[in-house]
Amino acid sequence: ASNGSSMNFTSLESQATAYARLADAMNQVKGQTEKLDNEGLL
């Protein structure tokens, strides 16, 4: 049981890391899009 819960925790932790990276990437894309929009290129 302890082995299963530790594996589950690791999975949740890596999922959280993946979501954080995804959110960071989306924020960067959003920032670039707004920058292009401000420069009239979009």
PDB file of N, CA and C in Angstrom:
ATOM      1  N   ALA A   1       0.828  -1.209   0.000  1.00  0.00           N
ATOM      2  CA  ALA A   1       0.000   0.000   0.000  1.00  0.00           C
ATOM      3  C   ALA A   1       0.862   1.258   0.000  1.00  0.00           C
ATOM      4  N   SER A   2       1.933   1.239   0.803  1.00  0.00           N
ATOM      5  CA  SER A   2       2.790   2.429   0.864  1.00  0.00           C
ATOM      6  C   SER A   2       3.476   2.662  -0.481  1.00  0.00           C
ATOM      7  N   ASN A   3       3.819   1.573  -1.154  1.00  0.00           N
ATOM      8  CA  ASN A   3       4.466   1.709  -2.458  1.00  0.00           C
ATOM      9  C   ASN A   3       3.506   2.359  -3.455  1.00  0.00           C
ATOM     10  N   GLY A   4       2.257   1.929  -3.437  1.00  0.00           N
ATOM     11  CA  GLY A   4       1.274   2.486  -4.354  1.00  0.00           C
ATOM     12  C   GLY A   4       1.024   3.962  -4.105  1.00  0.00           C
ATOM     13  N   SER A   5       0.931   4.356  -2.836  1.00  0.00           N
ATOM     14  CA  SER A   5       0.650   5.759  -2.534  1.00  0.00           C
ATOM     15  C   SER A   5       1.838   6.640  -2.896  1.00  0.00           C
ATOM     16  N   SER A   6       3.055   6.121  -2.733  1.00  0.00           N
ATOM     17  CA  SER A   6       4.219   6.934  -3.090  1.00  0.00           C
ATOM     18  C   SER A   6       4.298   7.091  -4.606  1.00  0.00           C
ATOM     19  N   MET A   7       3.935   6.045  -5.338  1.00  0.00           N
ATOM     20  CA  MET A   7       3.898   6.156  -6.797  1.00  0.00           C
ATOM     21  C   MET A   7       2.830   7.167  -7.211  1.00  0.00           C
ATOM     22  N   ASN A   8       1.683   7.116  -6.530  1.00  0.00           N
ATOM     23  CA  ASN A   8       0.591   8.032  -6.829  1.00  0.00           C
ATOM     24  C   ASN A   8       1.020   9.471  -6.569  1.00  0.00           C
ATOM     25  N   PHE A   9       1.731   9.677  -5.467  1.00  0.00           N
ATOM     26  CA  PHE A   9       2.201  11.024  -5.140  1.00  0.00           C
ATOM     27  C   PHE A   9       3.155  11.530  -6.212  1.00  0.00           C
ATOM     28  N   THR A  10       4.066  10.657  -6.651  1.00  0.00           N
ATOM     29  CA  THR A  10       5.026  11.053  -7.683  1.00  0.00           C
ATOM     30  C   THR A  10       4.286  11.434  -8.967  1.00  0.00           C
ATOM     31  N   SER A  11       3.256  10.666  -9.294  1.00  0.00           N
ATOM     32  CA  SER A  11       2.469  10.947 -10.490  1.00  0.00           C
ATOM     33  C   SER A  11       1.784  12.305 -10.378  1.00  0.00           C
ATOM     34  N   LEU A  12       1.190  12.564  -9.212  1.00  0.00           N
ATOM     35  CA  LEU A  12       0.524  13.856  -9.011  1.00  0.00           C
ATOM     36  C   LEU A  12       1.526  14.995  -9.075  1.00  0.00           C
ATOM     37  N   GLU A  13       2.705  14.765  -8.512  1.00  0.00           N
ATOM     38  CA  GLU A  13       3.735  15.795  -8.503  1.00  0.00           C
ATOM     39  C   GLU A  13       4.183  16.109  -9.929  1.00  0.00           C
ATOM     40  N   SER A  14       4.389  15.066 -10.739  1.00  0.00           N
ATOM     41  CA  SER A  14       4.824  15.307 -12.110  1.00  0.00           C
ATOM     42  C   SER A  14       3.710  15.943 -12.934  1.00  0.00           C
ATOM     43  N   GLN A  15       2.464  15.593 -12.629  1.00  0.00           N
ATOM     44  CA  GLN A  15       1.334  16.243 -13.313  1.00  0.00           C
ATOM     45  C   GLN A  15       1.305  17.728 -12.990  1.00  0.00           C
ATOM     46  N   ALA A  16       1.512  18.055 -11.717  1.00  0.00           N
ATOM     47  CA  ALA A  16       1.508  19.459 -11.306  1.00  0.00           C
ATOM     48  C   ALA A  16       2.635  20.212 -11.997  1.00  0.00           C
ATOM     49  N   THR A  17       3.798  19.581 -12.113  1.00  0.00           N
ATOM     50  CA  THR A  17       4.933  20.207 -12.795  1.00  0.00           C
ATOM     51  C   THR A  17       4.601  20.423 -14.268  1.00  0.00           C
ATOM     52  N   ALA A  18       3.977  19.430 -14.891  1.00  0.00           N
ATOM     53  CA  ALA A  18       3.608  19.554 -16.299  1.00  0.00           C
ATOM     54  C   ALA A  18       2.606  20.690 -16.496  1.00  0.00           C
ATOM     55  N   TYR A  19       1.618  20.793 -15.590  1.00  0.00           N
ATOM     56  CA  TYR A  19       0.646  21.885 -15.693  1.00  0.00           C
ATOM     57  C   TYR A  19       1.320  23.240 -15.515  1.00  0.00           C
ATOM     58  N   ALA A  20       2.273  23.310 -14.578  1.00  0.00           N
ATOM     59  CA  ALA A  20       2.975  24.572 -14.348  1.00  0.00           C
ATOM     60  C   ALA A  20       3.770  24.974 -15.583  1.00  0.00           C
ATOM     61  N   ARG A  21       4.429  24.009 -16.218  1.00  0.00           N
ATOM     62  CA  ARG A  21       5.192  24.305 -17.438  1.00  0.00           C
ATOM     63  C   ARG A  21       4.262  24.736 -18.559  1.00  0.00           C
ATOM     64  N   LEU A  22       3.122  24.059 -18.666  1.00  0.00           N
ATOM     65  CA  LEU A  22       2.148  24.407 -19.704  1.00  0.00           C
ATOM     66  C   LEU A  22       1.630  25.824 -19.495  1.00  0.00           C
ATOM     67  N   ALA A  23       1.293  26.152 -18.254  1.00  0.00           N
ATOM     68  CA  ALA A  23       0.797  27.493 -17.948  1.00  0.00           C
ATOM     69  C   ALA A  23       1.860  28.539 -18.257  1.00  0.00           C
ATOM     70  N   ASP A  24       3.107  28.228 -17.940  1.00  0.00           N
ATOM     71  CA  ASP A  24       4.202  29.162 -18.212  1.00  0.00           C
ATOM     72  C   ASP A  24       4.356  29.372 -19.714  1.00  0.00           C
ATOM     73  N   ALA A  25       4.296  28.286 -20.477  1.00  0.00           N
ATOM     74  CA  ALA A  25       4.414  28.389 -21.934  1.00  0.00           C
ATOM     75  C   ALA A  25       3.258  29.197 -22.514  1.00  0.00           C
ATOM     76  N   MET A  26       2.053  28.975 -22.011  1.00  0.00           N
ATOM     77  CA  MET A  26       0.893  29.715 -22.509  1.00  0.00           C
ATOM     78  C   MET A  26       1.012  31.197 -22.180  1.00  0.00           C
ATOM     79  N   ASN A  27       1.545  31.519 -20.993  1.00  0.00           N
ATOM     80  CA  ASN A  27       1.750  32.922 -20.633  1.00  0.00           C
ATOM     81  C   ASN A  27       2.770  33.570 -21.560  1.00  0.00           C
ATOM     82  N   GLN A  28       3.812  32.831 -21.933  1.00  0.00           N
ATOM     83  CA  GLN A  28       4.818  33.374 -22.839  1.00  0.00           C
ATOM     84  C   GLN A  28       4.211  33.631 -24.216  1.00  0.00           C
ATOM     85  N   VAL A  29       3.416  32.683 -24.703  1.00  0.00           N
ATOM     86  CA  VAL A  29       2.757  32.857 -26.005  1.00  0.00           C
ATOM     87  C   VAL A  29       1.819  34.055 -25.956  1.00  0.00           C
ATOM     88  N   LYS A  30       1.060  34.167 -24.852  1.00  0.00           N
ATOM     89  CA  LYS A  30       0.132  35.288 -24.691  1.00  0.00           C
ATOM     90  C   LYS A  30       0.892  36.611 -24.697  1.00  0.00           C
ATOM     91  N   GLY A  31       2.016  36.653 -24.004  1.00  0.00           N
ATOM     92  CA  GLY A  31       2.826  37.866 -23.966  1.00  0.00           C
ATOM     93  C   GLY A  31       3.355  38.232 -25.340  1.00  0.00           C
ATOM     94  N   GLN A  32       3.817  37.221 -26.097  1.00  0.00           N
ATOM     95  CA  GLN A  32       4.321  37.484 -27.438  1.00  0.00           C
ATOM     96  C   GLN A  32       3.196  37.970 -28.347  1.00  0.00           C
ATOM     97  N   THR A  33       2.019  37.367 -28.219  1.00  0.00           N
ATOM     98  CA  THR A  33       0.874  37.770 -29.038  1.00  0.00           C
ATOM     99  C   THR A  33       0.492  39.213 -28.752  1.00  0.00           C
ATOM    100  N   GLU A  34       0.457  39.587 -27.469  1.00  0.00           N
ATOM    101  CA  GLU A  34       0.114  40.968 -27.108  1.00  0.00           C
ATOM    102  C   GLU A  34       1.175  41.932 -27.617  1.00  0.00           C
ATOM    103  N   LYS A  35       2.433  41.517 -27.583  1.00  0.00           N
ATOM    104  CA  LYS A  35       3.521  42.365 -28.072  1.00  0.00           C
ATOM    105  C   LYS A  35       3.353  42.612 -29.572  1.00  0.00           C
ATOM    106  N   LEU A  36       3.070  41.550 -30.327  1.00  0.00           N
ATOM    107  CA  LEU A  36       2.855  41.704 -31.766  1.00  0.00           C
ATOM    108  C   LEU A  36       1.633  42.577 -32.032  1.00  0.00           C
ATOM    109  N   ASP A  37       0.593  42.385 -31.241  1.00  0.00           N
ATOM    110  CA  ASP A  37      -0.629  43.165 -31.406  1.00  0.00           C
ATOM    111  C   ASP A  37      -0.345  44.644 -31.155  1.00  0.00           C
ATOM    112  N   ASN A  38       0.451  44.944 -30.138  1.00  0.00           N
ATOM    113  CA  ASN A  38       0.799  46.334 -29.833  1.00  0.00           C
ATOM    114  C   ASN A  38       1.623  46.957 -30.951  1.00  0.00           C
ATOM    115  N   GLU A  39       2.404  46.141 -31.643  1.00  0.00           N
ATOM    116  CA  GLU A  39       3.234  46.663 -32.730  1.00  0.00           C
ATOM    117  C   GLU A  39       2.472  46.695 -34.052  1.00  0.00           C
ATOM    118  N   GLY A  40       1.204  46.284 -34.020  1.00  0.00           N
ATOM    119  CA  GLY A  40       0.376  46.326 -35.213  1.00  0.00           C
ATOM    120  C   GLY A  40       0.700  45.244 -36.224  1.00  0.00           C
ATOM    121  N   LEU A  41       1.339  44.162 -35.777  1.00  0.00           N
ATOM    122  CA  LEU A  41       1.716  43.091 -36.695  1.00  0.00           C
ATOM    123  C   LEU A  41       0.689  41.969 -36.722  1.00  0.00           C
ATOM    124  N   LEU A  42      -0.381  42.102 -35.912  1.00  0.00           N
ATOM    125  CA  LEU A  42      -1.347  41.017 -35.826  1.00  0.00           C
ATOM    126  C   LEU A  42      -2.727  41.543 -36.196  1.00  0.00           C
TER     127      LEU A  42
END
